[in-house]
């Protein structure tokens, strides 16, 4: 009987403890830790840009006067030159590239970028100025022999090296450049507008907007805005440069071969937007 009573007491105590334990509040589960993603510039991108191109100090110098020795151009013995119109103008185009960031967050970034640009500097390149007592032939079309005045497009293929401060990237850039114009308007003659090659160098600042930015129309991993300055230097044309064409007779007049072409280098200040795809 004593054993039965002891067992009953133990069972009653256990049951009472179970009831009390059931009444205690339950411990909440620990919160799940979600790491904040670290931004990286790694990935490829495509975008557009617009800006202003202007010639350098050398290009702003007015050409020396050209002596007229044929009535198909104007008064024989007269002179003419070109003013500075048409040496500056709008520039805009598209770019595509890729970056690799060594350490996410802040760190060095390397990349490559190619762009193709329209250049408005050649639109008014026929700004001819007649010398005193000179009457220009109304059938003559004149072409500014300065190289930049003959450019209607240019492009570059450049490397980029920079340092990222999280979403802000400061970079330097440099590489291959090319440029040219339309041969059709030169009646098939040799001219500075034919494509030339050279180099380009510059620097820029780029900032990555949040992924949910209202500008993110293409669901990119980031939208970046940049401001860039670029200096472009193209090789001088070593051939003869077209100077004028008589549209009635078809006669072509070339500039003096020993006179240097000016204006084969220019600078561009532009702003752009890129859509980055790839790593976040």
Protein backbone atom coordinates (compact mmCIF):
# COMPACT_ATOMS: atom_id res chain seq x y z
CA UNK A 1 0.00 0.00 0.00
CA UNK A 2 2.85 2.38 0.77
CA UNK A 3 4.35 1.79 -2.69
CA UNK A 4 1.02 2.47 -4.35
CA UNK A 5 0.60 5.70 -2.38
CA UNK A 6 4.15 6.86 -3.31
CA UNK A 7 3.61 6.18 -6.98
CA UNK A 8 0.32 8.10 -6.89
CA UNK A 9 2.07 11.08 -5.28
CA UNK A 10 4.82 11.12 -7.96
CA UNK A 11 2.28 10.92 -10.81
CA UNK A 12 0.27 13.76 -9.29
CA UNK A 13 3.38 15.94 -9.01
CA UNK A 14 4.34 15.29 -12.62
CA UNK A 15 0.86 16.10 -13.85
CA UNK A 16 0.81 19.31 -11.84
CA UNK A 17 4.20 20.35 -13.31
CA UNK A 18 2.99 19.65 -16.82
CA UNK A 19 -0.06 21.86 -16.30
CA UNK A 20 2.11 24.70 -14.93
CA UNK A 21 4.56 24.36 -17.85
CA UNK A 22 1.69 24.57 -20.30
CA UNK A 23 0.62 27.84 -18.70
CA UNK A 24 4.09 29.44 -19.18
CA UNK A 25 4.56 31.75 -22.22
CA UNK A 26 6.38 30.18 -25.17
CA UNK A 27 9.81 31.54 -26.17
CA UNK A 28 9.68 33.44 -29.50
CA UNK A 29 11.82 32.20 -32.40
CA UNK A 30 14.96 34.28 -33.02
CA UNK A 31 14.65 36.73 -35.94
CA UNK A 32 16.05 35.60 -39.26
CA UNK A 33 19.11 37.67 -40.20
CA UNK A 34 18.99 39.00 -43.76
CA UNK A 35 22.30 40.53 -44.86
CA UNK A 36 22.09 43.86 -46.65
CA UNK A 37 23.33 43.38 -50.25
CA UNK A 38 26.59 45.21 -51.02
CA UNK A 39 26.58 47.11 -54.29
CA UNK A 40 29.12 46.16 -56.95
CA UNK A 41 29.97 47.77 -60.29
CA UNK A 42 30.64 44.37 -61.83
CA UNK A 43 28.48 43.73 -64.88
CA UNK A 44 27.89 44.97 -68.40
CA UNK A 45 25.96 48.10 -69.35
CA UNK A 46 24.47 50.01 -72.24
CA UNK A 47 23.39 53.64 -72.37
CA UNK A 48 23.40 57.00 -74.10
CA UNK A 49 25.02 60.40 -73.72
CA UNK A 50 24.80 63.98 -74.91
CA UNK A 51 27.15 66.92 -74.60
CA UNK A 52 29.13 69.66 -76.28
CA UNK A 53 32.30 69.40 -78.36
CA UNK A 54 34.71 72.29 -78.77
CA UNK A 55 38.06 72.70 -80.45
CA UNK A 56 41.33 73.41 -78.71
CA UNK A 57 43.47 76.52 -78.77
CA UNK A 58 45.17 75.57 -82.04
CA UNK A 59 41.89 74.99 -83.82
CA UNK A 60 40.48 78.41 -82.95
CA UNK A 61 43.18 80.16 -84.98
CA UNK A 62 41.83 81.45 -88.27
CA UNK A 63 43.44 79.97 -91.35
CA UNK A 64 45.76 82.22 -93.37
CA UNK A 65 44.16 83.83 -96.39
CA UNK A 66 44.00 81.73 -99.55
CA UNK A 67 44.93 83.42 -102.83
CA UNK A 68 42.40 83.03 -105.64
CA UNK A 69 43.97 82.14 -108.96
CA UNK A 70 40.91 80.88 -110.84
CA UNK A 71 37.71 82.70 -111.76
CA UNK A 72 35.73 79.54 -110.94
CA UNK A 73 36.31 80.43 -107.28
CA UNK A 74 36.14 84.22 -107.34
CA UNK A 75 38.02 87.36 -108.23
CA UNK A 76 41.43 86.38 -109.53
CA UNK A 77 44.07 87.85 -107.26
CA UNK A 78 41.61 88.12 -104.40
CA UNK A 79 41.77 86.24 -101.12
CA UNK A 80 39.45 84.37 -98.81
CA UNK A 81 39.62 82.53 -95.51
CA UNK A 82 37.32 80.81 -93.03
CA UNK A 83 35.81 82.11 -89.86
CA UNK A 84 35.47 80.12 -86.67
CA UNK A 85 31.88 79.03 -87.14
CA UNK A 86 31.30 75.33 -87.21
CA UNK A 87 34.20 74.37 -84.97
CA UNK A 88 32.01 73.72 -81.91
CA UNK A 89 28.74 71.88 -81.63
CA UNK A 90 26.47 69.22 -80.19
CA UNK A 91 27.72 65.69 -79.61
CA UNK A 92 25.59 62.70 -78.73
CA UNK A 93 25.50 58.93 -79.09
CA UNK A 94 25.45 55.52 -77.49
CA UNK A 95 27.92 53.55 -75.38
CA UNK A 96 28.30 49.95 -74.28
CA UNK A 97 30.78 48.48 -71.83
CA UNK A 98 31.57 46.20 -68.91
CA UNK A 99 33.14 46.65 -65.47
CA UNK A 100 34.74 44.38 -62.93
CA UNK A 101 35.07 45.41 -59.27
CA UNK A 102 37.69 43.56 -57.24
CA UNK A 103 36.04 44.07 -53.85
CA UNK A 104 32.29 44.78 -53.49
CA UNK A 105 31.41 48.01 -51.71
CA UNK A 106 34.53 50.13 -52.10
CA UNK A 107 37.49 49.15 -54.21
CA UNK A 108 39.19 49.31 -57.58
CA UNK A 109 37.16 48.93 -60.77
CA UNK A 110 38.47 48.08 -64.24
CA UNK A 111 36.45 48.11 -67.42
CA UNK A 112 36.21 48.69 -71.15
CA UNK A 113 33.82 50.92 -73.08
CA UNK A 114 33.05 51.58 -76.75
CA UNK A 115 30.96 54.49 -78.03
CA UNK A 116 29.76 55.93 -81.35
CA UNK A 117 28.95 59.66 -81.53
CA UNK A 118 27.28 62.14 -83.84
CA UNK A 119 29.20 65.42 -84.07
CA UNK A 120 27.59 68.68 -85.16
CA UNK A 121 30.90 70.54 -85.55
CA UNK A 122 30.92 70.11 -89.34
CA UNK A 123 27.48 71.50 -90.14
CA UNK A 124 28.59 75.09 -90.77
CA UNK A 125 32.12 74.44 -91.94
CA UNK A 126 31.62 76.49 -95.14
CA UNK A 127 31.76 79.79 -93.25
CA UNK A 128 33.97 81.47 -95.86
CA UNK A 129 35.09 85.10 -95.48
CA UNK A 130 36.09 87.05 -98.62
CA UNK A 131 39.05 89.40 -98.48
CA UNK A 132 38.89 93.12 -99.37
CA UNK A 133 37.85 93.63 -102.99
CA UNK A 134 37.15 89.93 -103.49
CA UNK A 135 33.90 88.66 -105.05
CA UNK A 136 33.35 84.95 -104.58
CA UNK A 137 31.83 82.91 -107.40
CA UNK A 138 28.23 82.07 -106.43
CA UNK A 139 28.64 78.63 -108.02
CA UNK A 140 31.56 77.75 -105.76
CA UNK A 141 31.07 75.68 -102.62
CA UNK A 142 33.85 76.15 -100.07
CA UNK A 143 35.03 73.66 -97.47
CA UNK A 144 36.87 74.65 -94.34
CA UNK A 145 40.16 72.70 -94.45
CA UNK A 146 40.46 72.53 -90.67
CA UNK A 147 40.02 68.92 -89.73
CA UNK A 148 37.43 69.32 -86.97
CA UNK A 149 35.29 71.30 -89.37
CA UNK A 150 35.07 68.17 -91.49
CA UNK A 151 33.99 65.83 -88.68
CA UNK A 152 30.45 64.54 -88.54
CA UNK A 153 31.00 61.48 -86.36
CA UNK A 154 33.57 59.99 -84.04
CA UNK A 155 33.90 57.05 -81.73
CA UNK A 156 36.23 55.49 -79.21
CA UNK A 157 37.22 52.14 -77.69
CA UNK A 158 38.71 52.82 -74.26
CA UNK A 159 39.82 51.14 -71.10
CA UNK A 160 38.62 52.46 -67.73
CA UNK A 161 40.33 52.37 -64.34
CA UNK A 162 38.68 53.79 -61.26
CA UNK A 163 37.95 53.55 -57.58
CA UNK A 164 34.46 53.01 -56.20
CA UNK A 165 33.22 54.57 -53.00
CA UNK A 166 30.20 52.29 -52.75
CA UNK A 167 27.81 53.76 -55.36
CA UNK A 168 30.14 56.54 -56.49
CA UNK A 169 32.82 55.74 -59.06
CA UNK A 170 35.71 58.05 -60.00
CA UNK A 171 37.63 56.88 -63.07
CA UNK A 172 40.20 57.68 -65.74
CA UNK A 173 39.84 56.45 -69.30
CA UNK A 174 41.86 56.24 -72.49
CA UNK A 175 42.28 54.34 -75.75
CA UNK A 176 41.60 54.29 -79.49
CA UNK A 177 39.61 56.98 -81.35
CA UNK A 178 38.34 57.44 -84.90
CA UNK A 179 36.35 60.08 -86.75
CA UNK A 180 35.26 61.26 -90.17
CA UNK A 181 32.57 62.85 -92.29
CA UNK A 182 30.44 62.37 -95.35
CA UNK A 183 32.38 61.86 -98.58
CA UNK A 184 29.27 62.50 -100.73
CA UNK A 185 29.25 66.22 -100.10
CA UNK A 186 32.88 66.43 -101.22
CA UNK A 187 32.17 65.21 -104.77
CA UNK A 188 34.50 62.24 -104.32
CA UNK A 189 37.62 64.38 -103.82
CA UNK A 190 40.24 63.82 -101.14
CA UNK A 191 39.39 65.78 -98.02
CA UNK A 192 39.84 65.99 -94.28
CA UNK A 193 36.41 64.45 -93.85
CA UNK A 194 37.73 60.98 -94.67
CA UNK A 195 38.00 58.75 -91.63
CA UNK A 196 41.04 59.25 -89.44
CA UNK A 197 42.26 57.45 -86.34
CA UNK A 198 44.00 58.56 -83.17
CA UNK A 199 43.58 58.39 -79.42
CA UNK A 200 41.34 59.68 -76.65
CA UNK A 201 41.81 60.23 -72.92
CA UNK A 202 39.72 61.68 -70.13
CA UNK A 203 38.10 61.20 -66.74
CA UNK A 204 34.66 61.00 -65.25
CA UNK A 205 32.38 60.61 -62.26
CA UNK A 206 29.55 58.05 -62.16
CA UNK A 207 26.85 57.43 -59.56
CA UNK A 208 24.56 54.40 -59.25
CA UNK A 209 20.92 55.09 -58.41
CA UNK A 210 18.88 52.61 -56.35
CA UNK A 211 17.55 49.62 -58.28
CA UNK A 212 13.97 50.79 -57.69
CA UNK A 213 14.67 54.19 -59.30
CA UNK A 214 11.86 55.50 -61.51
CA UNK A 215 14.41 55.64 -64.35
CA UNK A 216 14.87 51.87 -64.29
CA UNK A 217 12.59 51.12 -67.24
CA UNK A 218 14.42 47.91 -68.20
CA UNK A 219 14.62 46.18 -64.80
CA UNK A 220 18.38 46.60 -64.74
CA UNK A 221 20.45 45.77 -61.67
CA UNK A 222 21.28 49.49 -61.46
CA UNK A 223 20.85 52.77 -63.29
CA UNK A 224 23.96 54.95 -63.30
CA UNK A 225 24.42 58.61 -64.19
CA UNK A 226 27.78 59.97 -65.31
CA UNK A 227 29.58 63.17 -66.23
CA UNK A 228 32.67 62.79 -68.39
CA UNK A 229 35.31 64.91 -70.05
CA UNK A 230 37.16 63.51 -73.05
CA UNK A 231 40.02 64.80 -75.18
CA UNK A 232 40.20 63.37 -78.72
CA UNK A 233 43.25 63.66 -80.96
CA UNK A 234 43.05 62.37 -84.53
CA UNK A 235 45.92 61.97 -86.95
CA UNK A 236 46.51 64.79 -89.39
CA UNK A 237 45.52 64.25 -92.98
CA UNK A 238 48.79 63.95 -94.89
CA UNK A 239 47.12 64.25 -98.30
CA UNK A 240 45.75 67.28 -100.08
CA UNK A 241 42.68 68.89 -98.58
CA UNK A 242 39.63 69.93 -100.56
CA UNK A 243 39.16 73.67 -100.58
CA UNK A 244 36.37 74.43 -103.05
CA UNK A 245 34.22 72.88 -105.78
CA UNK A 246 32.52 74.68 -108.65
CA UNK A 247 29.13 73.02 -108.85
CA UNK A 248 28.63 74.03 -112.51
CA UNK A 249 31.97 73.05 -114.04
CA UNK A 250 32.77 70.32 -111.52
CA UNK A 251 36.28 71.68 -111.05
CA UNK A 252 37.89 70.73 -107.75
CA UNK A 253 40.34 73.03 -105.99
CA UNK A 254 42.78 71.67 -103.44
CA UNK A 255 44.52 73.65 -100.74
CA UNK A 256 48.25 74.38 -100.83
CA UNK A 257 49.88 71.01 -99.97
CA UNK A 258 52.50 72.47 -97.62
CA UNK A 259 49.95 74.22 -95.43
CA UNK A 260 49.13 72.25 -92.27
CA UNK A 261 45.62 71.14 -91.44
CA UNK A 262 44.42 72.58 -88.14
CA UNK A 263 41.75 71.39 -85.79
CA UNK A 264 42.37 67.66 -85.61
CA UNK A 265 41.90 67.61 -81.85
CA UNK A 266 38.90 68.57 -79.74
CA UNK A 267 37.36 68.12 -76.30
CA UNK A 268 33.94 66.82 -75.32
CA UNK A 269 32.02 67.44 -72.11
CA UNK A 270 29.05 65.11 -71.82
CA UNK A 271 26.52 63.57 -69.46
CA UNK A 272 25.16 60.07 -69.80
CA UNK A 273 22.94 57.36 -68.39
CA UNK A 274 23.75 53.64 -68.24
CA UNK A 275 21.66 50.56 -67.51
CA UNK A 276 23.79 47.96 -65.76
CA UNK A 277 22.99 44.28 -65.92
CA UNK A 278 24.63 41.41 -64.09
CA UNK A 279 25.83 41.35 -60.49
CA UNK A 280 23.96 43.46 -57.94
